[in-house]
Amino acid sequence: RALRLTGLCDGQVLGLYGFGASAHIVIQIVKHKYPNTRVFVFTRPGQKHHQELAKRLGADWVGATGDTPPEKLDCAIDTTPVWTPVVEALRVLQKGGRLVINAIRKEEHDKEVLLRLDYATHIWQEKEVKSVANVTRSDAEEFLPLAARRYR
């Protein structure tokens, strides 16, 4: 569902913040449905095993949260439980870019990073933030046939 909410079109640049279970699936769907899309994966610093897995699954670039990717992002999905990736994703979004936060909750310990939001850097030029809470029946109906084709 988060992928649909990004509004991604083939040939754009997608950022994935956090590379856990849902991002493993999303990158494979993106590479199948949008073969000309570049996917940039951001992990916590030092998570080399996640970065290597992201490369194996088709990431065009991998780095740590806070790194500057080779291109600005058209859209991004944040699946982390913390706030720092939200601020960092907004920093590297193109004008008109969209960040989708796909998290059940966000932790409290780093929410002060939100005070560092700078309008010109993080919000200006019609950047958007959306949240998604749950998977719907229609999401599952769309995903299951795609997964079945992928793994035959």
C-alpha atoms as a PDB file:
ATOM      1  CA  ARG A   1       0.000   0.000   0.000  1.00  0.00           C
ATOM      2  CA  ALA A   2       2.832   2.408   0.817  1.00  0.00           C
ATOM      3  CA  LEU A   3       4.259   1.853  -2.657  1.00  0.00           C
ATOM      4  CA  ARG A   4       0.949   2.757  -4.295  1.00  0.00           C
ATOM      5  CA  LEU A   5       0.668   5.893  -2.155  1.00  0.00           C
ATOM      6  CA  THR A   6       4.068   7.151  -3.355  1.00  0.00           C
ATOM      7  CA  GLY A   7       2.628   7.707  -6.825  1.00  0.00           C
ATOM      8  CA  LEU A   8       5.808   6.172  -8.290  1.00  0.00           C
ATOM      9  CA  CYS A   9       6.108   6.105 -12.080  1.00  0.00           C
ATOM     10  CA  ASP A  10       8.578   4.014 -14.045  1.00  0.00           C
ATOM     11  CA  GLY A  11      11.902   5.794 -14.437  1.00  0.00           C
ATOM     12  CA  GLN A  12      11.677   7.775 -11.215  1.00  0.00           C
ATOM     13  CA  VAL A  13      13.917   7.480  -8.150  1.00  0.00           C
ATOM     14  CA  LEU A  14      12.519   5.758  -5.045  1.00  0.00           C
ATOM     15  CA  GLY A  15      14.175   5.885  -1.633  1.00  0.00           C
ATOM     16  CA  LEU A  16      13.621   3.140   0.935  1.00  0.00           C
ATOM     17  CA  TYR A  17      14.428   4.145   4.508  1.00  0.00           C
ATOM     18  CA  GLY A  18      14.931   1.005   6.561  1.00  0.00           C
ATOM     19  CA  PHE A  19      15.546  -2.365   4.955  1.00  0.00           C
ATOM     20  CA  GLY A  20      13.518  -4.820   6.982  1.00  0.00           C
ATOM     21  CA  ALA A  21      10.957  -7.376   5.846  1.00  0.00           C
ATOM     22  CA  SER A  22       8.565  -5.025   4.053  1.00  0.00           C
ATOM     23  CA  ALA A  23      11.349  -3.251   2.149  1.00  0.00           C
ATOM     24  CA  HIS A  24      12.687  -6.641   0.963  1.00  0.00           C
ATOM     25  CA  ILE A  25       9.316  -7.197  -0.696  1.00  0.00           C
ATOM     26  CA  VAL A  26       8.878  -3.640  -1.973  1.00  0.00           C
ATOM     27  CA  ILE A  27      12.214  -3.561  -3.806  1.00  0.00           C
ATOM     28  CA  GLN A  28      11.362  -6.764  -5.662  1.00  0.00           C
ATOM     29  CA  ILE A  29       7.927  -5.459  -6.654  1.00  0.00           C
ATOM     30  CA  VAL A  30       9.444  -2.176  -7.841  1.00  0.00           C
ATOM     31  CA  LYS A  31      12.077  -3.921  -9.943  1.00  0.00           C
ATOM     32  CA  HIS A  32       9.346  -6.082 -11.511  1.00  0.00           C
ATOM     33  CA  LYS A  33       6.658  -3.435 -12.114  1.00  0.00           C
ATOM     34  CA  TYR A  34       8.919  -0.439 -12.761  1.00  0.00           C
ATOM     35  CA  PRO A  35      12.104  -1.793 -14.409  1.00  0.00           C
ATOM     36  CA  ASN A  36      13.517   1.660 -15.186  1.00  0.00           C
ATOM     37  CA  THR A  37      13.107   2.953 -11.641  1.00  0.00           C
ATOM     38  CA  ARG A  38      16.226   3.500  -9.578  1.00  0.00           C
ATOM     39  CA  VAL A  39      15.954   2.374  -5.965  1.00  0.00           C
ATOM     40  CA  PHE A  40      18.163   3.914  -3.286  1.00  0.00           C
ATOM     41  CA  VAL A  41      18.232   2.125   0.074  1.00  0.00           C
ATOM     42  CA  PHE A  42      19.112   3.855   3.348  1.00  0.00           C
ATOM     43  CA  THR A  43      19.946   1.816   6.456  1.00  0.00           C
ATOM     44  CA  ARG A  44      21.287   2.556   9.895  1.00  0.00           C
ATOM     45  CA  PRO A  45      25.028   3.251   9.782  1.00  0.00           C
ATOM     46  CA  GLY A  46      27.055   0.060   9.896  1.00  0.00           C
ATOM     47  CA  GLN A  47      24.308  -2.284   8.673  1.00  0.00           C
ATOM     48  CA  LYS A  48      26.505  -3.789   5.966  1.00  0.00           C
ATOM     49  CA  HIS A  49      24.511  -7.035   5.816  1.00  0.00           C
ATOM     50  CA  HIS A  50      21.295  -5.125   5.044  1.00  0.00           C
ATOM     51  CA  GLN A  51      23.104  -3.000   2.473  1.00  0.00           C
ATOM     52  CA  GLU A  52      24.552  -6.074   0.757  1.00  0.00           C
ATOM     53  CA  LEU A  53      21.133  -7.748   0.685  1.00  0.00           C
ATOM     54  CA  ALA A  54      19.650  -4.583  -0.810  1.00  0.00           C
ATOM     55  CA  LYS A  55      22.265  -4.693  -3.590  1.00  0.00           C
ATOM     56  CA  ARG A  56      21.504  -8.362  -4.266  1.00  0.00           C
ATOM     57  CA  LEU A  57      17.797  -7.563  -4.511  1.00  0.00           C
ATOM     58  CA  GLY A  58      18.430  -4.797  -7.034  1.00  0.00           C
ATOM     59  CA  ALA A  59      19.209  -1.556  -5.190  1.00  0.00           C
ATOM     60  CA  ASP A  60      20.936   0.929  -7.461  1.00  0.00           C
ATOM     61  CA  TRP A  61      22.616   2.670  -4.527  1.00  0.00           C
ATOM     62  CA  VAL A  62      22.903   1.930  -0.814  1.00  0.00           C
ATOM     63  CA  GLY A  63      23.990   4.147   2.033  1.00  0.00           C
ATOM     64  CA  ALA A  64      23.296   5.127   5.597  1.00  0.00           C
ATOM     65  CA  THR A  65      20.502   7.401   6.757  1.00  0.00           C
ATOM     66  CA  GLY A  66      21.986  10.876   6.483  1.00  0.00           C
ATOM     67  CA  ASP A  67      24.080  10.085   3.408  1.00  0.00           C
ATOM     68  CA  THR A  68      23.393  12.125   0.291  1.00  0.00           C
ATOM     69  CA  PRO A  69      22.364   9.900  -2.629  1.00  0.00           C
ATOM     70  CA  PRO A  70      23.622  10.470  -6.185  1.00  0.00           C
ATOM     71  CA  GLU A  71      20.228  11.913  -7.202  1.00  0.00           C
ATOM     72  CA  LYS A  72      17.316  13.536  -5.411  1.00  0.00           C
ATOM     73  CA  LEU A  73      14.372  11.231  -4.701  1.00  0.00           C
ATOM     74  CA  ASP A  74      11.024  11.515  -6.448  1.00  0.00           C
ATOM     75  CA  CYS A  75       9.429   9.611  -3.584  1.00  0.00           C
ATOM     76  CA  ALA A  76      10.409   7.656  -0.501  1.00  0.00           C
ATOM     77  CA  ILE A  77       9.013   5.109   1.919  1.00  0.00           C
ATOM     78  CA  ASP A  78      10.034   5.158   5.578  1.00  0.00           C
ATOM     79  CA  THR A  79       9.483   1.895   7.467  1.00  0.00           C
ATOM     80  CA  THR A  80      11.595   2.748  10.494  1.00  0.00           C
ATOM     81  CA  PRO A  81      10.362   3.299  14.058  1.00  0.00           C
ATOM     82  CA  VAL A  82      12.348   6.541  14.475  1.00  0.00           C
ATOM     83  CA  TRP A  83      12.072  10.164  13.288  1.00  0.00           C
ATOM     84  CA  THR A  84      15.554  10.864  11.899  1.00  0.00           C
ATOM     85  CA  PRO A  85      14.851   9.124   8.559  1.00  0.00           C
ATOM     86  CA  VAL A  86      11.759  11.308   8.086  1.00  0.00           C
ATOM     87  CA  VAL A  87      13.839  14.482   8.324  1.00  0.00           C
ATOM     88  CA  GLU A  88      16.593  13.030   6.131  1.00  0.00           C
ATOM     89  CA  ALA A  89      14.151  11.836   3.465  1.00  0.00           C
ATOM     90  CA  LEU A  90      12.561  15.281   3.265  1.00  0.00           C
ATOM     91  CA  ARG A  91      16.040  16.765   2.810  1.00  0.00           C
ATOM     92  CA  VAL A  92      16.749  14.695  -0.315  1.00  0.00           C
ATOM     93  CA  LEU A  93      13.296  14.749  -1.935  1.00  0.00           C
ATOM     94  CA  GLN A  94      12.832  16.505  -5.273  1.00  0.00           C
ATOM     95  CA  LYS A  95      10.421  19.421  -5.371  1.00  0.00           C
ATOM     96  CA  GLY A  96       6.925  17.945  -5.382  1.00  0.00           C
ATOM     97  CA  GLY A  97       8.290  14.688  -3.940  1.00  0.00           C
ATOM     98  CA  ARG A  98       6.290  12.510  -1.596  1.00  0.00           C
ATOM     99  CA  LEU A  99       7.353  10.707   1.575  1.00  0.00           C
ATOM    100  CA  VAL A 100       5.119   7.864   2.761  1.00  0.00           C
ATOM    101  CA  ILE A 101       5.560   6.832   6.386  1.00  0.00           C
ATOM    102  CA  ASN A 102       4.658   3.170   6.776  1.00  0.00           C
ATOM    103  CA  ALA A 103       4.997   2.587  10.488  1.00  0.00           C
ATOM    104  CA  ILE A 104       2.696   1.337  13.199  1.00  0.00           C
ATOM    105  CA  ARG A 105       4.275   3.797  15.607  1.00  0.00           C
ATOM    106  CA  LYS A 106       7.265   6.087  15.990  1.00  0.00           C
ATOM    107  CA  GLU A 107       9.513   6.058  19.032  1.00  0.00           C
ATOM    108  CA  GLU A 108       9.852   9.068  21.291  1.00  0.00           C
ATOM    109  CA  HIS A 109      13.617   9.105  21.896  1.00  0.00           C
ATOM    110  CA  ASP A 110      14.615  11.037  18.765  1.00  0.00           C
ATOM    111  CA  LYS A 111      11.546  13.165  18.069  1.00  0.00           C
ATOM    112  CA  GLU A 112      13.539  16.310  18.871  1.00  0.00           C
ATOM    113  CA  VAL A 113      15.055  15.988  15.368  1.00  0.00           C
ATOM    114  CA  LEU A 114      11.741  17.351  14.114  1.00  0.00           C
ATOM    115  CA  LEU A 115      12.754  20.687  15.646  1.00  0.00           C
ATOM    116  CA  ARG A 116      15.553  20.818  13.055  1.00  0.00           C
ATOM    117  CA  LEU A 117      13.094  20.961  10.174  1.00  0.00           C
ATOM    118  CA  ASP A 118      13.947  23.918   7.980  1.00  0.00           C
ATOM    119  CA  TYR A 119      11.095  25.052   5.770  1.00  0.00           C
ATOM    120  CA  ALA A 120      13.270  25.847   2.740  1.00  0.00           C
ATOM    121  CA  THR A 121      15.177  22.559   2.946  1.00  0.00           C
ATOM    122  CA  HIS A 122      12.575  20.060   4.080  1.00  0.00           C
ATOM    123  CA  ILE A 123       9.100  21.317   3.150  1.00  0.00           C
ATOM    124  CA  TRP A 124       9.204  24.047   0.494  1.00  0.00           C
ATOM    125  CA  GLN A 125       8.373  23.371  -3.154  1.00  0.00           C
ATOM    126  CA  GLU A 126       5.285  21.275  -2.489  1.00  0.00           C
ATOM    127  CA  LYS A 127       6.861  18.262  -0.819  1.00  0.00           C
ATOM    128  CA  GLU A 128       4.278  15.918   0.712  1.00  0.00           C
ATOM    129  CA  VAL A 129       4.138  13.574   3.692  1.00  0.00           C
ATOM    130  CA  LYS A 130       1.561  10.781   3.842  1.00  0.00           C
ATOM    131  CA  SER A 131       1.078   8.017   6.359  1.00  0.00           C
ATOM    132  CA  VAL A 132      -0.300   4.529   5.948  1.00  0.00           C
ATOM    133  CA  ALA A 133      -1.476   2.422   8.834  1.00  0.00           C
ATOM    134  CA  ASN A 134      -2.862  -0.862   7.584  1.00  0.00           C
ATOM    135  CA  VAL A 135      -3.010  -3.226   4.653  1.00  0.00           C
ATOM    136  CA  THR A 136      -6.414  -3.489   3.035  1.00  0.00           C
ATOM    137  CA  ARG A 137      -8.124  -6.439   1.389  1.00  0.00           C
ATOM    138  CA  SER A 138      -7.581  -4.849  -2.030  1.00  0.00           C
ATOM    139  CA  ASP A 139      -3.853  -4.513  -1.241  1.00  0.00           C
ATOM    140  CA  ALA A 140      -3.670  -8.268  -0.600  1.00  0.00           C
ATOM    141  CA  GLU A 141      -5.721  -9.050  -3.717  1.00  0.00           C
ATOM    142  CA  GLU A 142      -3.266  -7.031  -5.798  1.00  0.00           C
ATOM    143  CA  PHE A 143      -0.133  -8.413  -4.125  1.00  0.00           C
ATOM    144  CA  LEU A 144      -0.825 -12.160  -3.986  1.00  0.00           C
ATOM    145  CA  PRO A 145      -1.028 -12.784  -7.760  1.00  0.00           C
ATOM    146  CA  LEU A 146       2.152 -10.751  -8.243  1.00  0.00           C
ATOM    147  CA  ALA A 147       3.944 -12.798  -5.581  1.00  0.00           C
ATOM    148  CA  ALA A 148       2.695 -16.048  -7.124  1.00  0.00           C
ATOM    149  CA  ARG A 149       4.083 -15.078 -10.559  1.00  0.00           C
ATOM    150  CA  ARG A 150       7.411 -14.034  -9.064  1.00  0.00           C
ATOM    151  CA  TYR A 151       8.070 -17.323  -7.298  1.00  0.00           C
ATOM    152  CA  ARG A 152       6.893 -19.939  -9.816  1.00  0.00           C
END
